[in-house]
Amino acid sequence: MGATVLTKQTFNNQIQSGVTLVDFWAPWCGPCKIQLPIVEALADEMKGTATLAKVNVDEETELAAQFGIRSIPTLLLFKDGALVDTMVGVNQKNVLKEKILKLTV
């Protein structure tokens, strides 16, 4: 199944409850090509615990601007609608999993 694709129409609804990790990426971005498969794999692994999602910054410029995304990949971690962590650059799977699990207890 992988990560959920978010748009400005679906974004707020998705992050309102529970834990959601959002990967801001673009198809032309080299580091994003490393990060995205990690996020996709984690999405399947953490199904039912947290939601992992992705936003293509080329298609969703308003969302990228709303969160001040200047470099990609940028990962935003939300808990019940509140932004709790921002990570810029490539993050390893175990680091992301640990941050998500801390919020689900």
PDB file of N, CA and C in Angstrom:
ATOM      1  N   MET A   1       0.829  -1.208   0.000  1.00  0.00           N
ATOM      2  CA  MET A   1       0.000   0.000   0.000  1.00  0.00           C
ATOM      3  C   MET A   1       0.862   1.256   0.000  1.00  0.00           C
ATOM      4  N   GLY A   2       1.809   1.371   0.915  1.00  0.00           N
ATOM      5  CA  GLY A   2       2.713   2.514   0.920  1.00  0.00           C
ATOM      6  C   GLY A   2       2.126   3.758   1.546  1.00  0.00           C
ATOM      7  N   ALA A   3       2.798   4.862   1.285  1.00  0.00           N
ATOM      8  CA  ALA A   3       2.426   6.140   1.890  1.00  0.00           C
ATOM      9  C   ALA A   3       1.197   6.733   1.196  1.00  0.00           C
ATOM     10  N   THR A   4       0.393   7.445   1.976  1.00  0.00           N
ATOM     11  CA  THR A   4      -0.805   8.113   1.478  1.00  0.00           C
ATOM     12  C   THR A   4      -0.414   9.413   0.776  1.00  0.00           C
ATOM     13  N   VAL A   5      -0.955   9.650  -0.407  1.00  0.00           N
ATOM     14  CA  VAL A   5      -0.690  10.904  -1.116  1.00  0.00           C
ATOM     15  C   VAL A   5      -1.645  11.973  -0.567  1.00  0.00           C
ATOM     16  N   LEU A   6      -1.070  13.093  -0.127  1.00  0.00           N
ATOM     17  CA  LEU A   6      -1.899  14.170   0.412  1.00  0.00           C
ATOM     18  C   LEU A   6      -1.922  15.367  -0.529  1.00  0.00           C
ATOM     19  N   THR A   7      -3.068  16.043  -0.540  1.00  0.00           N
ATOM     20  CA  THR A   7      -3.230  17.281  -1.294  1.00  0.00           C
ATOM     21  C   THR A   7      -3.723  18.340  -0.315  1.00  0.00           C
ATOM     22  N   LYS A   8      -3.818  19.578  -0.760  1.00  0.00           N
ATOM     23  CA  LYS A   8      -4.292  20.622   0.163  1.00  0.00           C
ATOM     24  C   LYS A   8      -5.733  20.334   0.608  1.00  0.00           C
ATOM     25  N   GLN A   9      -6.488  19.598  -0.203  1.00  0.00           N
ATOM     26  CA  GLN A   9      -7.861  19.246   0.160  1.00  0.00           C
ATOM     27  C   GLN A   9      -7.908  18.181   1.258  1.00  0.00           C
ATOM     28  N   THR A  10      -6.952  17.266   1.281  1.00  0.00           N
ATOM     29  CA  THR A  10      -7.002  16.138   2.220  1.00  0.00           C
ATOM     30  C   THR A  10      -6.060  16.299   3.419  1.00  0.00           C
ATOM     31  N   PHE A  11      -5.150  17.257   3.348  1.00  0.00           N
ATOM     32  CA  PHE A  11      -4.079  17.378   4.340  1.00  0.00           C
ATOM     33  C   PHE A  11      -4.584  17.543   5.773  1.00  0.00           C
ATOM     34  N   ASN A  12      -5.366  18.593   6.024  1.00  0.00           N
ATOM     35  CA  ASN A  12      -5.801  18.889   7.396  1.00  0.00           C
ATOM     36  C   ASN A  12      -6.611  17.758   8.004  1.00  0.00           C
ATOM     37  N   ASN A  13      -7.466  17.171   7.197  1.00  0.00           N
ATOM     38  CA  ASN A  13      -8.284  16.063   7.676  1.00  0.00           C
ATOM     39  C   ASN A  13      -7.398  14.891   8.109  1.00  0.00           C
ATOM     40  N   GLN A  14      -6.340  14.637   7.358  1.00  0.00           N
ATOM     41  CA  GLN A  14      -5.467  13.500   7.628  1.00  0.00           C
ATOM     42  C   GLN A  14      -4.665  13.671   8.920  1.00  0.00           C
ATOM     43  N   ILE A  15      -4.179  14.880   9.186  1.00  0.00           N
ATOM     44  CA  ILE A  15      -3.293  15.067  10.348  1.00  0.00           C
ATOM     45  C   ILE A  15      -4.045  15.317  11.655  1.00  0.00           C
ATOM     46  N   GLN A  16      -5.382  15.435  11.595  1.00  0.00           N
ATOM     47  CA  GLN A  16      -6.169  15.796  12.781  1.00  0.00           C
ATOM     48  C   GLN A  16      -6.065  14.827  13.934  1.00  0.00           C
ATOM     49  N   SER A  17      -6.061  13.526  13.647  1.00  0.00           N
ATOM     50  CA  SER A  17      -6.029  12.584  14.769  1.00  0.00           C
ATOM     51  C   SER A  17      -4.927  11.555  14.583  1.00  0.00           C
ATOM     52  N   GLY A  18      -4.338  11.178  15.705  1.00  0.00           N
ATOM     53  CA  GLY A  18      -3.265  10.194  15.676  1.00  0.00           C
ATOM     54  C   GLY A  18      -1.933  10.797  15.267  1.00  0.00           C
ATOM     55  N   VAL A  19      -1.009   9.916  14.875  1.00  0.00           N
ATOM     56  CA  VAL A  19       0.339  10.330  14.499  1.00  0.00           C
ATOM     57  C   VAL A  19       0.479  10.217  12.985  1.00  0.00           C
ATOM     58  N   THR A  20       0.941  11.292  12.359  1.00  0.00           N
ATOM     59  CA  THR A  20       1.137  11.304  10.912  1.00  0.00           C
ATOM     60  C   THR A  20       2.511  11.876  10.579  1.00  0.00           C
ATOM     61  N   LEU A  21       3.269  11.149   9.770  1.00  0.00           N
ATOM     62  CA  LEU A  21       4.552  11.622   9.260  1.00  0.00           C
ATOM     63  C   LEU A  21       4.346  11.991   7.793  1.00  0.00           C
ATOM     64  N   VAL A  22       4.684  13.220   7.429  1.00  0.00           N
ATOM     65  CA  VAL A  22       4.491  13.675   6.053  1.00  0.00           C
ATOM     66  C   VAL A  22       5.838  13.976   5.417  1.00  0.00           C
ATOM     67  N   ASP A  23       6.093  13.346   4.274  1.00  0.00           N
ATOM     68  CA  ASP A  23       7.322  13.536   3.502  1.00  0.00           C
ATOM     69  C   ASP A  23       7.039  14.524   2.374  1.00  0.00           C
ATOM     70  N   PHE A  24       7.666  15.700   2.438  1.00  0.00           N
ATOM     71  CA  PHE A  24       7.579  16.673   1.338  1.00  0.00           C
ATOM     72  C   PHE A  24       8.713  16.357   0.377  1.00  0.00           C
ATOM     73  N   TRP A  25       8.375  16.076  -0.888  1.00  0.00           N
ATOM     74  CA  TRP A  25       9.359  15.587  -1.851  1.00  0.00           C
ATOM     75  C   TRP A  25       9.049  16.106  -3.252  1.00  0.00           C
ATOM     76  N   ALA A  26       9.945  15.800  -4.201  1.00  0.00           N
ATOM     77  CA  ALA A  26       9.711  16.090  -5.618  1.00  0.00           C
ATOM     78  C   ALA A  26      10.420  15.017  -6.449  1.00  0.00           C
ATOM     79  N   PRO A  27       9.875  14.695  -7.632  1.00  0.00           N
ATOM     80  CA  PRO A  27      10.443  13.623  -8.452  1.00  0.00           C
ATOM     81  C   PRO A  27      11.875  13.900  -8.924  1.00  0.00           C
ATOM     82  N   TRP A  28      12.251  15.172  -9.050  1.00  0.00           N
ATOM     83  CA  TRP A  28      13.588  15.530  -9.555  1.00  0.00           C
ATOM     84  C   TRP A  28      14.646  15.596  -8.459  1.00  0.00           C
ATOM     85  N   CYS A  29      14.256  15.402  -7.202  1.00  0.00           N
ATOM     86  CA  CYS A  29      15.160  15.576  -6.061  1.00  0.00           C
ATOM     87  C   CYS A  29      15.900  14.275  -5.743  1.00  0.00           C
ATOM     88  N   GLY A  30      17.230  14.294  -5.871  1.00  0.00           N
ATOM     89  CA  GLY A  30      18.059  13.119  -5.620  1.00  0.00           C
ATOM     90  C   GLY A  30      17.870  12.506  -4.237  1.00  0.00           C
ATOM     91  N   PRO A  31      18.061  13.300  -3.157  1.00  0.00           N
ATOM     92  CA  PRO A  31      17.887  12.745  -1.807  1.00  0.00           C
ATOM     93  C   PRO A  31      16.464  12.223  -1.560  1.00  0.00           C
ATOM     94  N   CYS A  32      15.473  12.813  -2.236  1.00  0.00           N
ATOM     95  CA  CYS A  32      14.085  12.342  -2.081  1.00  0.00           C
ATOM     96  C   CYS A  32      13.945  10.911  -2.583  1.00  0.00           C
ATOM     97  N   LYS A  33      14.741  10.558  -3.600  1.00  0.00           N
ATOM     98  CA  LYS A  33      14.680   9.203  -4.157  1.00  0.00           C
ATOM     99  C   LYS A  33      15.240   8.180  -3.178  1.00  0.00           C
ATOM    100  N   ILE A  34      16.030   8.653  -2.215  1.00  0.00           N
ATOM    101  CA  ILE A  34      16.544   7.785  -1.157  1.00  0.00           C
ATOM    102  C   ILE A  34      15.515   7.713  -0.025  1.00  0.00           C
ATOM    103  N   GLN A  35      14.932   8.878   0.314  1.00  0.00           N
ATOM    104  CA  GLN A  35      14.000   8.957   1.446  1.00  0.00           C
ATOM    105  C   GLN A  35      12.667   8.272   1.164  1.00  0.00           C
ATOM    106  N   LEU A  36      12.125   8.480  -0.018  1.00  0.00           N
ATOM    107  CA  LEU A  36      10.767   7.998  -0.305  1.00  0.00           C
ATOM    108  C   LEU A  36      10.588   6.490  -0.126  1.00  0.00           C
ATOM    109  N   PRO A  37      11.507   5.638  -0.612  1.00  0.00           N
ATOM    110  CA  PRO A  37      11.327   4.190  -0.382  1.00  0.00           C
ATOM    111  C   PRO A  37      11.345   3.829   1.112  1.00  0.00           C
ATOM    112  N   ILE A  38      12.092   4.582   1.913  1.00  0.00           N
ATOM    113  CA  ILE A  38      12.134   4.355   3.357  1.00  0.00           C
ATOM    114  C   ILE A  38      10.753   4.654   3.950  1.00  0.00           C
ATOM    115  N   VAL A  39      10.179   5.792   3.541  1.00  0.00           N
ATOM    116  CA  VAL A  39       8.846   6.196   4.024  1.00  0.00           C
ATOM    117  C   VAL A  39       7.791   5.189   3.569  1.00  0.00           C
ATOM    118  N   GLU A  40       7.882   4.748   2.315  1.00  0.00           N
ATOM    119  CA  GLU A  40       6.914   3.771   1.776  1.00  0.00           C
ATOM    120  C   GLU A  40       6.965   2.458   2.568  1.00  0.00           C
ATOM    121  N   ALA A  41       8.175   1.974   2.853  1.00  0.00           N
ATOM    122  CA  ALA A  41       8.331   0.715   3.594  1.00  0.00           C
ATOM    123  C   ALA A  41       7.799   0.850   5.015  1.00  0.00           C
ATOM    124  N   LEU A  42       8.095   1.980   5.638  1.00  0.00           N
ATOM    125  CA  LEU A  42       7.648   2.229   7.006  1.00  0.00           C
ATOM    126  C   LEU A  42       6.123   2.360   7.066  1.00  0.00           C
ATOM    127  N   ALA A  43       5.528   2.886   6.016  1.00  0.00           N
ATOM    128  CA  ALA A  43       4.067   3.042   5.959  1.00  0.00           C
ATOM    129  C   ALA A  43       3.391   1.682   6.111  1.00  0.00           C
ATOM    130  N   ASP A  44       3.912   0.674   5.420  1.00  0.00           N
ATOM    131  CA  ASP A  44       3.342  -0.669   5.508  1.00  0.00           C
ATOM    132  C   ASP A  44       3.609  -1.281   6.884  1.00  0.00           C
ATOM    133  N   GLU A  45       4.822  -1.052   7.387  1.00  0.00           N
ATOM    134  CA  GLU A  45       5.225  -1.617   8.672  1.00  0.00           C
ATOM    135  C   GLU A  45       4.414  -1.043   9.842  1.00  0.00           C
ATOM    136  N   MET A  46       4.061   0.236   9.758  1.00  0.00           N
ATOM    137  CA  MET A  46       3.412   0.919  10.884  1.00  0.00           C
ATOM    138  C   MET A  46       1.906   1.101  10.689  1.00  0.00           C
ATOM    139  N   LYS A  47       1.369   0.401   9.718  1.00  0.00           N
ATOM    140  CA  LYS A  47      -0.070   0.479   9.450  1.00  0.00           C
ATOM    141  C   LYS A  47      -0.854   0.171  10.717  1.00  0.00           C
ATOM    142  N   GLY A  48      -1.808   1.019  11.054  1.00  0.00           N
ATOM    143  CA  GLY A  48      -2.593   0.822  12.262  1.00  0.00           C
ATOM    144  C   GLY A  48      -2.002   1.532  13.471  1.00  0.00           C
ATOM    145  N   THR A  49      -0.722   1.902  13.390  1.00  0.00           N
ATOM    146  CA  THR A  49      -0.062   2.614  14.489  1.00  0.00           C
ATOM    147  C   THR A  49       0.054   4.095  14.156  1.00  0.00           C
ATOM    148  N   ALA A  50       0.476   4.375  12.919  1.00  0.00           N
ATOM    149  CA  ALA A  50       0.656   5.756  12.465  1.00  0.00           C
ATOM    150  C   ALA A  50       0.409   5.797  10.960  1.00  0.00           C
ATOM    151  N   THR A  51       0.158   7.002  10.460  1.00  0.00           N
ATOM    152  CA  THR A  51      -0.028   7.182   9.028  1.00  0.00           C
ATOM    153  C   THR A  51       1.227   7.827   8.461  1.00  0.00           C
ATOM    154  N   LEU A  52       1.743   7.289   7.368  1.00  0.00           N
ATOM    155  CA  LEU A  52       2.859   7.919   6.667  1.00  0.00           C
ATOM    156  C   LEU A  52       2.323   8.416   5.344  1.00  0.00           C
ATOM    157  N   ALA A  53       2.639   9.671   5.063  1.00  0.00           N
ATOM    158  CA  ALA A  53       2.072  10.313   3.883  1.00  0.00           C
ATOM    159  C   ALA A  53       3.147  11.075   3.137  1.00  0.00           C
ATOM    160  N   LYS A  54       2.817  11.479   1.907  1.00  0.00           N
ATOM    161  CA  LYS A  54       3.773  12.232   1.098  1.00  0.00           C
ATOM    162  C   LYS A  54       3.062  13.350   0.357  1.00  0.00           C
ATOM    163  N   VAL A  55       3.810  14.445   0.165  1.00  0.00           N
ATOM    164  CA  VAL A  55       3.292  15.606  -0.560  1.00  0.00           C
ATOM    165  C   VAL A  55       4.317  15.970  -1.625  1.00  0.00           C
ATOM    166  N   ASN A  56       3.891  15.954  -2.879  1.00  0.00           N
ATOM    167  CA  ASN A  56       4.749  16.372  -3.986  1.00  0.00           C
ATOM    168  C   ASN A  56       4.739  17.903  -4.019  1.00  0.00           C
ATOM    169  N   VAL A  57       5.883  18.530  -3.717  1.00  0.00           N
ATOM    170  CA  VAL A  57       5.930  19.993  -3.598  1.00  0.00           C
ATOM    171  C   VAL A  57       5.690  20.700  -4.930  1.00  0.00           C
ATOM    172  N   ASP A  58       5.939  20.019  -6.052  1.00  0.00           N
ATOM    173  CA  ASP A  58       5.671  20.621  -7.363  1.00  0.00           C
ATOM    174  C   ASP A  58       4.172  20.731  -7.616  1.00  0.00           C
ATOM    175  N   GLU A  59       3.421  19.755  -7.112  1.00  0.00           N
ATOM    176  CA  GLU A  59       1.971  19.738  -7.324  1.00  0.00           C
ATOM    177  C   GLU A  59       1.213  20.482  -6.230  1.00  0.00           C
ATOM    178  N   GLU A  60       1.809  20.566  -5.042  1.00  0.00           N
ATOM    179  CA  GLU A  60       1.129  21.182  -3.890  1.00  0.00           C
ATOM    180  C   GLU A  60       1.969  22.338  -3.338  1.00  0.00           C
ATOM    181  N   THR A  61       2.161  23.365  -4.180  1.00  0.00           N
ATOM    182  CA  THR A  61       3.006  24.499  -3.787  1.00  0.00           C
ATOM    183  C   THR A  61       2.440  25.257  -2.588  1.00  0.00           C
ATOM    184  N   GLU A  62       1.118  25.324  -2.479  1.00  0.00           N
ATOM    185  CA  GLU A  62       0.494  26.037  -1.348  1.00  0.00           C
ATOM    186  C   GLU A  62       0.822  25.366  -0.021  1.00  0.00           C
ATOM    187  N   LEU A  63       0.746  24.031   0.006  1.00  0.00           N
ATOM    188  CA  LEU A  63       1.070  23.293   1.232  1.00  0.00           C
ATOM    189  C   LEU A  63       2.533  23.486   1.605  1.00  0.00           C
ATOM    190  N   ALA A  64       3.409  23.407   0.607  1.00  0.00           N
ATOM    191  CA  ALA A  64       4.844  23.596   0.855  1.00  0.00           C
ATOM    192  C   ALA A  64       5.093  24.993   1.428  1.00  0.00           C
ATOM    193  N   ALA A  65       4.429  25.991   0.876  1.00  0.00           N
ATOM    194  CA  ALA A  65       4.584  27.367   1.357  1.00  0.00           C
ATOM    195  C   ALA A  65       4.018  27.519   2.771  1.00  0.00           C
ATOM    196  N   GLN A  66       2.886  26.885   3.023  1.00  0.00           N
ATOM    197  CA  GLN A  66       2.233  26.968   4.339  1.00  0.00           C
ATOM    198  C   GLN A  66       3.170  26.498   5.449  1.00  0.00           C
ATOM    199  N   PHE A  67       3.978  25.482   5.168  1.00  0.00           N
ATOM    200  CA  PHE A  67       4.882  24.948   6.179  1.00  0.00           C
ATOM    201  C   PHE A  67       6.322  25.432   5.999  1.00  0.00           C
ATOM    202  N   GLY A  68       6.522  26.391   5.100  1.00  0.00           N
ATOM    203  CA  GLY A  68       7.849  26.976   4.921  1.00  0.00           C
ATOM    204  C   GLY A  68       8.890  25.976   4.446  1.00  0.00           C
ATOM    205  N   ILE A  69       8.475  25.055   3.578  1.00  0.00           N
ATOM    206  CA  ILE A  69       9.409  24.044   3.074  1.00  0.00           C
ATOM    207  C   ILE A  69      10.376  24.716   2.107  1.00  0.00           C
ATOM    208  N   ARG A  70      11.664  24.734   2.477  1.00  0.00           N
ATOM    209  CA  ARG A  70      12.679  25.365   1.647  1.00  0.00           C
ATOM    210  C   ARG A  70      13.614  24.356   0.992  1.00  0.00           C
ATOM    211  N   SER A  71      13.862  23.250   1.679  1.00  0.00           N
ATOM    212  CA  SER A  71      14.667  22.200   1.071  1.00  0.00           C
ATOM    213  C   SER A  71      13.958  20.874   1.258  1.00  0.00           C
ATOM    214  N   ILE A  72      14.202  19.993   0.314  1.00  0.00           N
ATOM    215  CA  ILE A  72      13.541  18.694   0.373  1.00  0.00           C
ATOM    216  C   ILE A  72      14.587  17.597   0.284  1.00  0.00           C
ATOM    217  N   PRO A  73      14.354  16.429   0.827  1.00  0.00           N
ATOM    218  CA  PRO A  73      13.126  16.087   1.550  1.00  0.00           C
ATOM    219  C   PRO A  73      13.035  16.761   2.920  1.00  0.00           C
ATOM    220  N   THR A  74      11.820  17.175   3.268  1.00  0.00           N
ATOM    221  CA  THR A  74      11.529  17.632   4.626  1.00  0.00           C
ATOM    222  C   THR A  74      10.416  16.746   5.153  1.00  0.00           C
ATOM    223  N   LEU A  75      10.610  16.221   6.350  1.00  0.00           N
ATOM    224  CA  LEU A  75       9.613  15.360   6.972  1.00  0.00           C
ATOM    225  C   LEU A  75       9.015  16.097   8.159  1.00  0.00           C
ATOM    226  N   LEU A  76       7.685  16.173   8.190  1.00  0.00           N
ATOM    227  CA  LEU A  76       6.987  16.803   9.305  1.00  0.00           C
ATOM    228  C   LEU A  76       6.235  15.722  10.068  1.00  0.00           C
ATOM    229  N   LEU A  77       6.345  15.773  11.387  1.00  0.00           N
ATOM    230  CA  LEU A  77       5.676  14.791  12.236  1.00  0.00           C
ATOM    231  C   LEU A  77       4.581  15.490  13.035  1.00  0.00           C
ATOM    232  N   PHE A  78       3.353  14.992  12.888  1.00  0.00           N
ATOM    233  CA  PHE A  78       2.191  15.578  13.558  1.00  0.00           C
ATOM    234  C   PHE A  78       1.604  14.598  14.552  1.00  0.00           C
ATOM    235  N   LYS A  79       1.095  15.150  15.673  1.00  0.00           N
ATOM    236  CA  LYS A  79       0.330  14.344  16.637  1.00  0.00           C
ATOM    237  C   LYS A  79      -0.971  15.096  16.898  1.00  0.00           C
ATOM    238  N   ASP A  80      -2.079  14.482  16.546  1.00  0.00           N
ATOM    239  CA  ASP A  80      -3.416  15.077  16.722  1.00  0.00           C
ATOM    240  C   ASP A  80      -3.492  16.508  16.177  1.00  0.00           C
ATOM    241  N   GLY A  81      -2.940  16.709  14.995  1.00  0.00           N
ATOM    242  CA  GLY A  81      -3.042  18.005  14.313  1.00  0.00           C
ATOM    243  C   GLY A  81      -1.939  18.993  14.642  1.00  0.00           C
ATOM    244  N   ALA A  82      -1.118  18.702  15.655  1.00  0.00           N
ATOM    245  CA  ALA A  82      -0.050  19.635  16.051  1.00  0.00           C
ATOM    246  C   ALA A  82       1.295  19.165  15.494  1.00  0.00           C
ATOM    247  N   LEU A  83       2.056  20.103  14.941  1.00  0.00           N
ATOM    248  CA  LEU A  83       3.388  19.800  14.429  1.00  0.00           C
ATOM    249  C   LEU A  83       4.334  19.605  15.608  1.00  0.00           C
ATOM    250  N   VAL A  84       4.943  18.424  15.708  1.00  0.00           N
ATOM    251  CA  VAL A  84       5.823  18.140  16.844  1.00  0.00           C
ATOM    252  C   VAL A  84       7.289  17.993  16.455  1.00  0.00           C
ATOM    253  N   ASP A  85       7.563  17.759  15.170  1.00  0.00           N
ATOM    254  CA  ASP A  85       8.963  17.604  14.762  1.00  0.00           C
ATOM    255  C   ASP A  85       9.114  17.918  13.280  1.00  0.00           C
ATOM    256  N   THR A  86      10.263  18.520  12.938  1.00  0.00           N
ATOM    257  CA  THR A  86      10.612  18.815  11.551  1.00  0.00           C
ATOM    258  C   THR A  86      11.998  18.262  11.294  1.00  0.00           C
ATOM    259  N   MET A  87      12.130  17.455  10.248  1.00  0.00           N
ATOM    260  CA  MET A  87      13.419  16.866   9.901  1.00  0.00           C
ATOM    261  C   MET A  87      13.731  17.183   8.447  1.00  0.00           C
ATOM    262  N   VAL A  88      14.894  17.798   8.213  1.00  0.00           N
ATOM    263  CA  VAL A  88      15.289  18.146   6.852  1.00  0.00           C
ATOM    264  C   VAL A  88      16.419  17.207   6.432  1.00  0.00           C
ATOM    265  N   GLY A  89      16.308  16.680   5.219  1.00  0.00           N
ATOM    266  CA  GLY A  89      17.319  15.754   4.728  1.00  0.00           C
ATOM    267  C   GLY A  89      16.870  14.317   4.908  1.00  0.00           C
ATOM    268  N   VAL A  90      17.736  13.400   4.494  1.00  0.00           N
ATOM    269  CA  VAL A  90      17.402  11.974   4.542  1.00  0.00           C
ATOM    270  C   VAL A  90      17.515  11.450   5.968  1.00  0.00           C
ATOM    271  N   ASN A  91      16.475  10.737   6.407  1.00  0.00           N
ATOM    272  CA  ASN A  91      16.446  10.114   7.731  1.00  0.00           C
ATOM    273  C   ASN A  91      16.340   8.605   7.571  1.00  0.00           C
ATOM    274  N   GLN A  92      17.088   7.881   8.384  1.00  0.00           N
ATOM    275  CA  GLN A  92      17.055   6.423   8.331  1.00  0.00           C
ATOM    276  C   GLN A  92      15.747   5.899   8.915  1.00  0.00           C
ATOM    277  N   LYS A  93      15.372   4.712   8.486  1.00  0.00           N
ATOM    278  CA  LYS A  93      14.113   4.092   8.896  1.00  0.00           C
ATOM    279  C   LYS A  93      14.013   3.961  10.415  1.00  0.00           C
ATOM    280  N   ASN A  94      15.091   3.487  11.063  1.00  0.00           N
ATOM    281  CA  ASN A  94      15.022   3.273  12.513  1.00  0.00           C
ATOM    282  C   ASN A  94      14.827   4.583  13.276  1.00  0.00           C
ATOM    283  N   VAL A  95      15.408   5.676  12.771  1.00  0.00           N
ATOM    284  CA  VAL A  95      15.256   6.997  13.409  1.00  0.00           C
ATOM    285  C   VAL A  95      13.796   7.443  13.323  1.00  0.00           C
ATOM    286  N   LEU A  96      13.214   7.324  12.149  1.00  0.00           N
ATOM    287  CA  LEU A  96      11.814   7.718  11.948  1.00  0.00           C
ATOM    288  C   LEU A  96      10.878   6.864  12.795  1.00  0.00           C
ATOM    289  N   LYS A  97      11.126   5.561  12.812  1.00  0.00           N
ATOM    290  CA  LYS A  97      10.273   4.646  13.560  1.00  0.00           C
ATOM    291  C   LYS A  97      10.298   4.983  15.055  1.00  0.00           C
ATOM    292  N   GLU A  98      11.487   5.267  15.559  1.00  0.00           N
ATOM    293  CA  GLU A  98      11.648   5.606  16.968  1.00  0.00           C
ATOM    294  C   GLU A  98      10.864   6.878  17.326  1.00  0.00           C
ATOM    295  N   LYS A  99      10.962   7.892  16.471  1.00  0.00           N
ATOM    296  CA  LYS A  99      10.252   9.158  16.722  1.00  0.00           C
ATOM    297  C   LYS A  99       8.741   8.947  16.702  1.00  0.00           C
ATOM    298  N   ILE A 100       8.278   8.122  15.767  1.00  0.00           N
ATOM    299  CA  ILE A 100       6.838   7.841  15.664  1.00  0.00           C
ATOM    300  C   ILE A 100       6.359   7.071  16.906  1.00  0.00           C
ATOM    301  N   LEU A 101       7.107   6.039  17.295  1.00  0.00           N
ATOM    302  CA  LEU A 101       6.693   5.207  18.423  1.00  0.00           C
ATOM    303  C   LEU A 101       6.642   5.995  19.731  1.00  0.00           C
ATOM    304  N   LYS A 102       7.525   6.983  19.885  1.00  0.00           N
ATOM    305  CA  LYS A 102       7.517   7.815  21.102  1.00  0.00           C
ATOM    306  C   LYS A 102       6.190   8.564  21.229  1.00  0.00           C
ATOM    307  N   LEU A 103       5.585   8.893  20.092  1.00  0.00           N
ATOM    308  CA  LEU A 103       4.332   9.662  20.105  1.00  0.00           C
ATOM    309  C   LEU A 103       3.088   8.773  20.247  1.00  0.00           C
ATOM    310  N   THR A 104       3.257   7.482  20.044  1.00  0.00           N
ATOM    311  CA  THR A 104       2.075   6.614  20.049  1.00  0.00           C
ATOM    312  C   THR A 104       1.805   5.994  21.415  1.00  0.00           C
ATOM    313  N   VAL A 105       2.663   6.265  22.391  1.00  0.00           N
ATOM    314  CA  VAL A 105       2.448   5.680  23.731  1.00  0.00           C
ATOM    315  C   VAL A 105       1.465   6.485  24.541  1.00  0.00           C
TER     316      VAL A 105
END
